[in-house]
Structure formats: C-alpha cells, structure tokens
mmCIF file of all heavy atoms, coordinates in Angstrom:
data_MODEL
# 
_entry.id   MODEL 
# 
loop_
_atom_site.group_PDB 
_atom_site.id 
_atom_site.type_symbol 
_atom_site.label_atom_id 
_atom_site.label_alt_id 
_atom_site.label_comp_id 
_atom_site.label_asym_id 
_atom_site.label_entity_id 
_atom_site.label_seq_id 
_atom_site.pdbx_PDB_ins_code 
_atom_site.Cartn_x 
_atom_site.Cartn_y 
_atom_site.Cartn_z 
_atom_site.occupancy 
_atom_site.B_iso_or_equiv 
_atom_site.pdbx_formal_charge 
_atom_site.auth_seq_id 
_atom_site.auth_comp_id 
_atom_site.auth_asym_id 
_atom_site.auth_atom_id 
_atom_site.pdbx_PDB_model_num 
ATOM 1   N N   . LEU A 1 1  ? -8.514  -7.130  11.433  1.00 0.00 ? 1  LEU A N   1 
ATOM 2   C CA  . LEU A 1 1  ? -8.765  -7.217  10.045  1.00 0.00 ? 1  LEU A CA  1 
ATOM 3   C C   . LEU A 1 1  ? -9.303  -8.599  9.692   1.00 0.00 ? 1  LEU A C   1 
ATOM 4   O O   . LEU A 1 1  ? -8.834  -9.569  10.261  1.00 0.00 ? 1  LEU A O   1 
ATOM 5   C CB  . LEU A 1 1  ? -7.541  -6.809  9.279   1.00 0.00 ? 1  LEU A CB  1 
ATOM 6   C CG  . LEU A 1 1  ? -7.027  -5.418  9.592   1.00 0.00 ? 1  LEU A CG  1 
ATOM 7   C CD1 . LEU A 1 1  ? -5.632  -5.238  9.153   1.00 0.00 ? 1  LEU A CD1 1 
ATOM 8   C CD2 . LEU A 1 1  ? -7.944  -4.431  9.034   1.00 0.00 ? 1  LEU A CD2 1 
ATOM 9   N N   . ALA A 1 2  ? -10.130 -8.639  8.652   1.00 0.00 ? 2  ALA A N   1 
ATOM 10  C CA  . ALA A 1 2  ? -10.848 -9.934  8.388   1.00 0.00 ? 2  ALA A CA  1 
ATOM 11  C C   . ALA A 1 2  ? -9.908  -10.954 7.735   1.00 0.00 ? 2  ALA A C   1 
ATOM 12  O O   . ALA A 1 2  ? -10.012 -12.065 7.980   1.00 0.00 ? 2  ALA A O   1 
ATOM 13  C CB  . ALA A 1 2  ? -12.057 -9.569  7.510   1.00 0.00 ? 2  ALA A CB  1 
ATOM 14  N N   . GLY A 1 3  ? -9.047  -10.486 6.835   1.00 0.00 ? 3  GLY A N   1 
ATOM 15  C CA  . GLY A 1 3  ? -8.229  -11.465 6.172   1.00 0.00 ? 3  GLY A CA  1 
ATOM 16  C C   . GLY A 1 3  ? -7.471  -10.917 5.003   1.00 0.00 ? 3  GLY A C   1 
ATOM 17  O O   . GLY A 1 3  ? -7.508  -9.740  4.808   1.00 0.00 ? 3  GLY A O   1 
ATOM 18  N N   . CYS A 1 4  ? -6.778  -11.781 4.257   1.00 0.00 ? 4  CYS A N   1 
ATOM 19  C CA  . CYS A 1 4  ? -5.901  -11.281 3.244   1.00 0.00 ? 4  CYS A CA  1 
ATOM 20  C C   . CYS A 1 4  ? -6.625  -10.576 2.143   1.00 0.00 ? 4  CYS A C   1 
ATOM 21  O O   . CYS A 1 4  ? -6.022  -9.793  1.431   1.00 0.00 ? 4  CYS A O   1 
ATOM 22  C CB  . CYS A 1 4  ? -5.060  -12.497 2.623   1.00 0.00 ? 4  CYS A CB  1 
ATOM 23  S SG  . CYS A 1 4  ? -3.540  -12.699 3.499   1.00 0.00 ? 4  CYS A SG  1 
ATOM 24  N N   . ASN A 1 5  ? -7.849  -10.765 1.973   1.00 0.00 ? 5  ASN A N   1 
ATOM 25  C CA  . ASN A 1 5  ? -8.523  -10.196 0.850   1.00 0.00 ? 5  ASN A CA  1 
ATOM 26  C C   . ASN A 1 5  ? -9.252  -8.803  1.263   1.00 0.00 ? 5  ASN A C   1 
ATOM 27  O O   . ASN A 1 5  ? -9.974  -8.261  0.532   1.00 0.00 ? 5  ASN A O   1 
ATOM 28  C CB  . ASN A 1 5  ? -9.684  -11.089 0.274   1.00 0.00 ? 5  ASN A CB  1 
ATOM 29  C CG  . ASN A 1 5  ? -8.935  -12.290 -0.438  1.00 0.00 ? 5  ASN A CG  1 
ATOM 30  O OD1 . ASN A 1 5  ? -7.880  -12.067 -1.023  1.00 0.00 ? 5  ASN A OD1 1 
ATOM 31  N ND2 . ASN A 1 5  ? -9.475  -13.405 -0.376  1.00 0.00 ? 5  ASN A ND2 1 
ATOM 32  N N   . LYS A 1 6  ? -9.022  -8.483  2.487   1.00 0.00 ? 6  LYS A N   1 
ATOM 33  C CA  . LYS A 1 6  ? -9.629  -7.251  2.999   1.00 0.00 ? 6  LYS A CA  1 
ATOM 34  C C   . LYS A 1 6  ? -9.094  -6.022  2.232   1.00 0.00 ? 6  LYS A C   1 
ATOM 35  O O   . LYS A 1 6  ? -7.882  -5.869  2.038   1.00 0.00 ? 6  LYS A O   1 
ATOM 36  C CB  . LYS A 1 6  ? -9.435  -7.070  4.493   1.00 0.00 ? 6  LYS A CB  1 
ATOM 37  C CG  . LYS A 1 6  ? -10.035 -5.767  4.973   1.00 0.00 ? 6  LYS A CG  1 
ATOM 38  C CD  . LYS A 1 6  ? -10.044 -5.756  6.482   1.00 0.00 ? 6  LYS A CD  1 
ATOM 39  C CE  . LYS A 1 6  ? -10.626 -4.445  6.966   1.00 0.00 ? 6  LYS A CE  1 
ATOM 40  N NZ  . LYS A 1 6  ? -10.751 -4.366  8.359   1.00 0.00 ? 6  LYS A NZ  1 
ATOM 41  N N   . SER A 1 7  ? -9.907  -5.044  1.795   1.00 0.00 ? 7  SER A N   1 
ATOM 42  C CA  . SER A 1 7  ? -9.479  -3.901  1.149   1.00 0.00 ? 7  SER A CA  1 
ATOM 43  C C   . SER A 1 7  ? -8.929  -2.932  2.274   1.00 0.00 ? 7  SER A C   1 
ATOM 44  O O   . SER A 1 7  ? -9.218  -3.086  3.415   1.00 0.00 ? 7  SER A O   1 
ATOM 45  C CB  . SER A 1 7  ? -10.567 -3.255  0.394   1.00 0.00 ? 7  SER A CB  1 
ATOM 46  O OG  . SER A 1 7  ? -11.703 -2.937  1.303   1.00 0.00 ? 7  SER A OG  1 
ATOM 47  N N   . ASN A 1 8  ? -8.256  -1.870  1.821   1.00 0.00 ? 8  ASN A N   1 
ATOM 48  C CA  . ASN A 1 8  ? -7.732  -0.864  2.658   1.00 0.00 ? 8  ASN A CA  1 
ATOM 49  C C   . ASN A 1 8  ? -8.805  0.028   3.296   1.00 0.00 ? 8  ASN A C   1 
ATOM 50  O O   . ASN A 1 8  ? -9.244  0.944   2.597   1.00 0.00 ? 8  ASN A O   1 
ATOM 51  C CB  . ASN A 1 8  ? -6.581  -0.062  2.004   1.00 0.00 ? 8  ASN A CB  1 
ATOM 52  C CG  . ASN A 1 8  ? -5.981  0.951   2.894   1.00 0.00 ? 8  ASN A CG  1 
ATOM 53  O OD1 . ASN A 1 8  ? -6.137  0.893   4.108   1.00 0.00 ? 8  ASN A OD1 1 
ATOM 54  N ND2 . ASN A 1 8  ? -5.297  1.882   2.250   1.00 0.00 ? 8  ASN A ND2 1 
ATOM 55  N N   . THR A 1 9  ? -9.133  -0.153  4.498   1.00 0.00 ? 9  THR A N   1 
ATOM 56  C CA  . THR A 1 9  ? -10.032 0.771   5.160   1.00 0.00 ? 9  THR A CA  1 
ATOM 57  C C   . THR A 1 9  ? -9.449  1.340   6.386   1.00 0.00 ? 9  THR A C   1 
ATOM 58  O O   . THR A 1 9  ? -10.042 2.112   7.186   1.00 0.00 ? 9  THR A O   1 
ATOM 59  C CB  . THR A 1 9  ? -11.301 -0.012  5.596   1.00 0.00 ? 9  THR A CB  1 
ATOM 60  O OG1 . THR A 1 9  ? -10.951 -1.046  6.540   1.00 0.00 ? 9  THR A OG1 1 
ATOM 61  C CG2 . THR A 1 9  ? -12.084 -0.608  4.433   1.00 0.00 ? 9  THR A CG2 1 
ATOM 62  N N   . SER A 1 10 ? -8.155  1.106   6.624   1.00 0.00 ? 10 SER A N   1 
ATOM 63  C CA  . SER A 1 10 ? -7.505  1.568   7.896   1.00 0.00 ? 10 SER A CA  1 
ATOM 64  C C   . SER A 1 10 ? -6.856  2.939   7.656   1.00 0.00 ? 10 SER A C   1 
ATOM 65  O O   . SER A 1 10 ? -6.402  3.555   8.626   1.00 0.00 ? 10 SER A O   1 
ATOM 66  C CB  . SER A 1 10 ? -6.410  0.545   8.237   1.00 0.00 ? 10 SER A CB  1 
ATOM 67  O OG  . SER A 1 10 ? -5.377  0.530   7.316   1.00 0.00 ? 10 SER A OG  1 
ATOM 68  N N   . GLY A 1 11 ? -6.851  3.486   6.351   1.00 0.00 ? 11 GLY A N   1 
ATOM 69  C CA  . GLY A 1 11 ? -6.198  4.695   6.195   1.00 0.00 ? 11 GLY A CA  1 
ATOM 70  C C   . GLY A 1 11 ? -4.670  4.654   6.166   1.00 0.00 ? 11 GLY A C   1 
ATOM 71  O O   . GLY A 1 11 ? -3.970  5.675   6.125   1.00 0.00 ? 11 GLY A O   1 
ATOM 72  N N   . LEU A 1 12 ? -4.076  3.443   6.245   1.00 0.00 ? 12 LEU A N   1 
ATOM 73  C CA  . LEU A 1 12 ? -2.596  3.325   6.183   1.00 0.00 ? 12 LEU A CA  1 
ATOM 74  C C   . LEU A 1 12 ? -2.142  3.498   4.724   1.00 0.00 ? 12 LEU A C   1 
ATOM 75  O O   . LEU A 1 12 ? -2.768  2.888   3.821   1.00 0.00 ? 12 LEU A O   1 
ATOM 76  C CB  . LEU A 1 12 ? -2.256  1.941   6.720   1.00 0.00 ? 12 LEU A CB  1 
ATOM 77  C CG  . LEU A 1 12 ? -2.686  1.673   8.089   1.00 0.00 ? 12 LEU A CG  1 
ATOM 78  C CD1 . LEU A 1 12 ? -2.452  0.234   8.416   1.00 0.00 ? 12 LEU A CD1 1 
ATOM 79  C CD2 . LEU A 1 12 ? -2.034  2.545   9.064   1.00 0.00 ? 12 LEU A CD2 1 
ATOM 80  N N   . PRO A 1 13 ? -1.153  4.145   4.495   1.00 0.00 ? 13 PRO A N   1 
ATOM 81  C CA  . PRO A 1 13 ? -0.644  4.459   3.182   1.00 0.00 ? 13 PRO A CA  1 
ATOM 82  C C   . PRO A 1 13 ? 0.000   3.306   2.535   1.00 0.00 ? 13 PRO A C   1 
ATOM 83  O O   . PRO A 1 13 ? 0.980   2.751   3.012   1.00 0.00 ? 13 PRO A O   1 
ATOM 84  C CB  . PRO A 1 13 ? 0.353   5.630   3.380   1.00 0.00 ? 13 PRO A CB  1 
ATOM 85  C CG  . PRO A 1 13 ? 0.880   5.486   4.755   1.00 0.00 ? 13 PRO A CG  1 
ATOM 86  C CD  . PRO A 1 13 ? -0.307  4.780   5.497   1.00 0.00 ? 13 PRO A CD  1 
ATOM 87  N N   . MET A 1 14 ? -0.485  2.771   1.371   1.00 0.00 ? 14 MET A N   1 
ATOM 88  C CA  . MET A 1 14 ? 0.191   1.713   0.724   1.00 0.00 ? 14 MET A CA  1 
ATOM 89  C C   . MET A 1 14 ? 1.128   2.202   -0.349  1.00 0.00 ? 14 MET A C   1 
ATOM 90  O O   . MET A 1 14 ? 1.857   1.483   -1.000  1.00 0.00 ? 14 MET A O   1 
ATOM 91  C CB  . MET A 1 14 ? -0.792  0.682   0.184   1.00 0.00 ? 14 MET A CB  1 
ATOM 92  C CG  . MET A 1 14 ? -1.055  -0.473  1.095   1.00 0.00 ? 14 MET A CG  1 
ATOM 93  S SD  . MET A 1 14 ? 0.434   -1.266  1.630   1.00 0.00 ? 14 MET A SD  1 
ATOM 94  C CE  . MET A 1 14 ? 0.786   -0.511  3.190   1.00 0.00 ? 14 MET A CE  1 
ATOM 95  N N   . ASN A 1 15 ? 1.090   3.516   -0.635  1.00 0.00 ? 15 ASN A N   1 
ATOM 96  C CA  . ASN A 1 15 ? 2.118   4.092   -1.434  1.00 0.00 ? 15 ASN A CA  1 
ATOM 97  C C   . ASN A 1 15 ? 3.078   4.754   -0.486  1.00 0.00 ? 15 ASN A C   1 
ATOM 98  O O   . ASN A 1 15 ? 3.670   5.725   -0.765  1.00 0.00 ? 15 ASN A O   1 
ATOM 99  C CB  . ASN A 1 15 ? 1.581   5.153   -2.392  1.00 0.00 ? 15 ASN A CB  1 
ATOM 100 C CG  . ASN A 1 15 ? 0.744   6.192   -1.721  1.00 0.00 ? 15 ASN A CG  1 
ATOM 101 O OD1 . ASN A 1 15 ? 0.353   5.931   -0.607  1.00 0.00 ? 15 ASN A OD1 1 
ATOM 102 N ND2 . ASN A 1 15 ? 0.380   7.229   -2.419  1.00 0.00 ? 15 ASN A ND2 1 
ATOM 103 N N   . THR A 1 16 ? 3.244   4.152   0.723   1.00 0.00 ? 16 THR A N   1 
ATOM 104 C CA  . THR A 1 16 ? 4.099   4.661   1.721   1.00 0.00 ? 16 THR A CA  1 
ATOM 105 C C   . THR A 1 16 ? 5.475   4.937   1.364   1.00 0.00 ? 16 THR A C   1 
ATOM 106 O O   . THR A 1 16 ? 6.078   5.976   1.696   1.00 0.00 ? 16 THR A O   1 
ATOM 107 C CB  . THR A 1 16 ? 4.059   3.741   2.945   1.00 0.00 ? 16 THR A CB  1 
ATOM 108 O OG1 . THR A 1 16 ? 4.081   2.397   2.506   1.00 0.00 ? 16 THR A OG1 1 
ATOM 109 C CG2 . THR A 1 16 ? 2.770   3.870   3.797   1.00 0.00 ? 16 THR A CG2 1 
ATOM 110 N N   . PRO A 1 17 ? 6.295   3.976   0.705   1.00 0.00 ? 17 PRO A N   1 
ATOM 111 C CA  . PRO A 1 17 ? 7.653   4.323   0.380   1.00 0.00 ? 17 PRO A CA  1 
ATOM 112 C C   . PRO A 1 17 ? 7.677   5.440   -0.584  1.00 0.00 ? 17 PRO A C   1 
ATOM 113 O O   . PRO A 1 17 ? 6.912   5.569   -1.539  1.00 0.00 ? 17 PRO A O   1 
ATOM 114 C CB  . PRO A 1 17 ? 8.131   2.961   -0.279  1.00 0.00 ? 17 PRO A CB  1 
ATOM 115 C CG  . PRO A 1 17 ? 7.132   1.987   0.153   1.00 0.00 ? 17 PRO A CG  1 
ATOM 116 C CD  . PRO A 1 17 ? 5.837   2.694   0.308   1.00 0.00 ? 17 PRO A CD  1 
ATOM 117 N N   . THR A 1 18 ? 8.543   6.351   -0.371  1.00 0.00 ? 18 THR A N   1 
ATOM 118 C CA  . THR A 1 18 ? 8.690   7.532   -1.235  1.00 0.00 ? 18 THR A CA  1 
ATOM 119 C C   . THR A 1 18 ? 9.614   7.287   -2.380  1.00 0.00 ? 18 THR A C   1 
ATOM 120 O O   . THR A 1 18 ? 9.667   8.171   -3.286  1.00 0.00 ? 18 THR A O   1 
ATOM 121 C CB  . THR A 1 18 ? 9.224   8.723   -0.443  1.00 0.00 ? 18 THR A CB  1 
ATOM 122 O OG1 . THR A 1 18 ? 10.518  8.356   0.114   1.00 0.00 ? 18 THR A OG1 1 
ATOM 123 C CG2 . THR A 1 18 ? 8.274   9.059   0.700   1.00 0.00 ? 18 THR A CG2 1 
ATOM 124 N N   . SER A 1 19 ? 10.284  6.157   -2.462  1.00 0.00 ? 19 SER A N   1 
ATOM 125 C CA  . SER A 1 19 ? 11.266  5.877   -3.484  1.00 0.00 ? 19 SER A CA  1 
ATOM 126 C C   . SER A 1 19 ? 10.701  5.970   -4.860  1.00 0.00 ? 19 SER A C   1 
ATOM 127 O O   . SER A 1 19 ? 9.837   5.167   -5.216  1.00 0.00 ? 19 SER A O   1 
ATOM 128 C CB  . SER A 1 19 ? 11.894  4.542   -3.304  1.00 0.00 ? 19 SER A CB  1 
ATOM 129 O OG  . SER A 1 19 ? 12.834  4.305   -4.298  1.00 0.00 ? 19 SER A OG  1 
ATOM 130 N N   . GLU A 1 20 ? 11.214  6.878   -5.720  1.00 0.00 ? 20 GLU A N   1 
ATOM 131 C CA  . GLU A 1 20 ? 10.748  6.962   -7.072  1.00 0.00 ? 20 GLU A CA  1 
ATOM 132 C C   . GLU A 1 20 ? 11.092  5.714   -7.878  1.00 0.00 ? 20 GLU A C   1 
ATOM 133 O O   . GLU A 1 20 ? 10.579  5.472   -8.926  1.00 0.00 ? 20 GLU A O   1 
ATOM 134 C CB  . GLU A 1 20 ? 11.294  8.163   -7.740  1.00 0.00 ? 20 GLU A CB  1 
ATOM 135 C CG  . GLU A 1 20 ? 12.821  8.166   -8.064  1.00 0.00 ? 20 GLU A CG  1 
ATOM 136 C CD  . GLU A 1 20 ? 13.692  8.628   -6.947  1.00 0.00 ? 20 GLU A CD  1 
ATOM 137 O OE1 . GLU A 1 20 ? 13.210  8.632   -5.790  1.00 0.00 ? 20 GLU A OE1 1 
ATOM 138 O OE2 . GLU A 1 20 ? 14.844  8.996   -7.183  1.00 0.00 ? 20 GLU A OE2 1 
ATOM 139 N N   . SER A 1 21 ? 12.069  4.906   -7.326  1.00 0.00 ? 21 SER A N   1 
ATOM 140 C CA  . SER A 1 21 ? 12.475  3.756   -8.029  1.00 0.00 ? 21 SER A CA  1 
ATOM 141 C C   . SER A 1 21 ? 11.388  2.697   -8.174  1.00 0.00 ? 21 SER A C   1 
ATOM 142 O O   . SER A 1 21 ? 11.442  1.802   -8.916  1.00 0.00 ? 21 SER A O   1 
ATOM 143 C CB  . SER A 1 21 ? 13.768  3.128   -7.395  1.00 0.00 ? 21 SER A CB  1 
ATOM 144 O OG  . SER A 1 21 ? 13.340  2.650   -6.102  1.00 0.00 ? 21 SER A OG  1 
ATOM 145 N N   . ASN A 1 22 ? 10.363  2.854   -7.301  1.00 0.00 ? 22 ASN A N   1 
ATOM 146 C CA  . ASN A 1 22 ? 9.271   1.786   -7.220  1.00 0.00 ? 22 ASN A CA  1 
ATOM 147 C C   . ASN A 1 22 ? 8.512   1.803   -8.548  1.00 0.00 ? 22 ASN A C   1 
ATOM 148 O O   . ASN A 1 22 ? 7.888   0.791   -8.854  1.00 0.00 ? 22 ASN A O   1 
ATOM 149 C CB  . ASN A 1 22 ? 8.450   2.057   -6.025  1.00 0.00 ? 22 ASN A CB  1 
ATOM 150 C CG  . ASN A 1 22 ? 9.101   1.754   -4.703  1.00 0.00 ? 22 ASN A CG  1 
ATOM 151 O OD1 . ASN A 1 22 ? 10.200  1.065   -4.762  1.00 0.00 ? 22 ASN A OD1 1 
ATOM 152 N ND2 . ASN A 1 22 ? 8.596   2.221   -3.653  1.00 0.00 ? 22 ASN A ND2 1 
ATOM 153 N N   . SER A 1 23 ? 8.485   2.943   -9.222  1.00 0.00 ? 23 SER A N   1 
ATOM 154 C CA  . SER A 1 23 ? 7.648   2.990   -10.427 1.00 0.00 ? 23 SER A CA  1 
ATOM 155 C C   . SER A 1 23 ? 8.577   3.114   -11.662 1.00 0.00 ? 23 SER A C   1 
ATOM 156 O O   . SER A 1 23 ? 8.061   3.229   -12.754 1.00 0.00 ? 23 SER A O   1 
ATOM 157 C CB  . SER A 1 23 ? 6.702   4.182   -10.331 1.00 0.00 ? 23 SER A CB  1 
ATOM 158 O OG  . SER A 1 23 ? 7.490   5.403   -10.275 1.00 0.00 ? 23 SER A OG  1 
ATOM 159 N N   . ALA A 1 24 ? 9.857   2.878   -11.447 1.00 0.00 ? 24 ALA A N   1 
ATOM 160 C CA  . ALA A 1 24 ? 10.775  3.053   -12.589 1.00 0.00 ? 24 ALA A CA  1 
ATOM 161 C C   . ALA A 1 24 ? 10.816  1.732   -13.300 1.00 0.00 ? 24 ALA A C   1 
ATOM 162 O O   . ALA A 1 24 ? 10.949  0.648   -12.708 1.00 0.00 ? 24 ALA A O   1 
ATOM 163 C CB  . ALA A 1 24 ? 12.088  3.487   -12.122 1.00 0.00 ? 24 ALA A CB  1 
ATOM 164 N N   . VAL A 1 25 ? 10.921  1.792   -14.576 1.00 0.00 ? 25 VAL A N   1 
ATOM 165 C CA  . VAL A 1 25 ? 11.146  0.550   -15.456 1.00 0.00 ? 25 VAL A CA  1 
ATOM 166 C C   . VAL A 1 25 ? 12.319  0.896   -16.393 1.00 0.00 ? 25 VAL A C   1 
ATOM 167 O O   . VAL A 1 25 ? 12.205  1.740   -17.220 1.00 0.00 ? 25 VAL A O   1 
ATOM 168 C CB  . VAL A 1 25 ? 9.881   0.192   -16.271 1.00 0.00 ? 25 VAL A CB  1 
ATOM 169 C CG1 . VAL A 1 25 ? 10.257  -1.047  -17.114 1.00 0.00 ? 25 VAL A CG1 1 
ATOM 170 C CG2 . VAL A 1 25 ? 8.712   -0.023  -15.359 1.00 0.00 ? 25 VAL A CG2 1 
# 
C-alpha cells in the first residue's frame, strides 16, 4: 500500500466490527 492517505481498494471491511455500540451516542 502506498501510504496513510491511500483509500480502501483492498476490499477489507472497515465496518468490520459488528458492535452496534460503535454508532451509539
């Protein structure tokens, strides 16, 4: 991968964690 600013082209899930708490406020 090119660097920290590279966009997601690898197909890896970045909403990987299933925890509903991640979007809770």
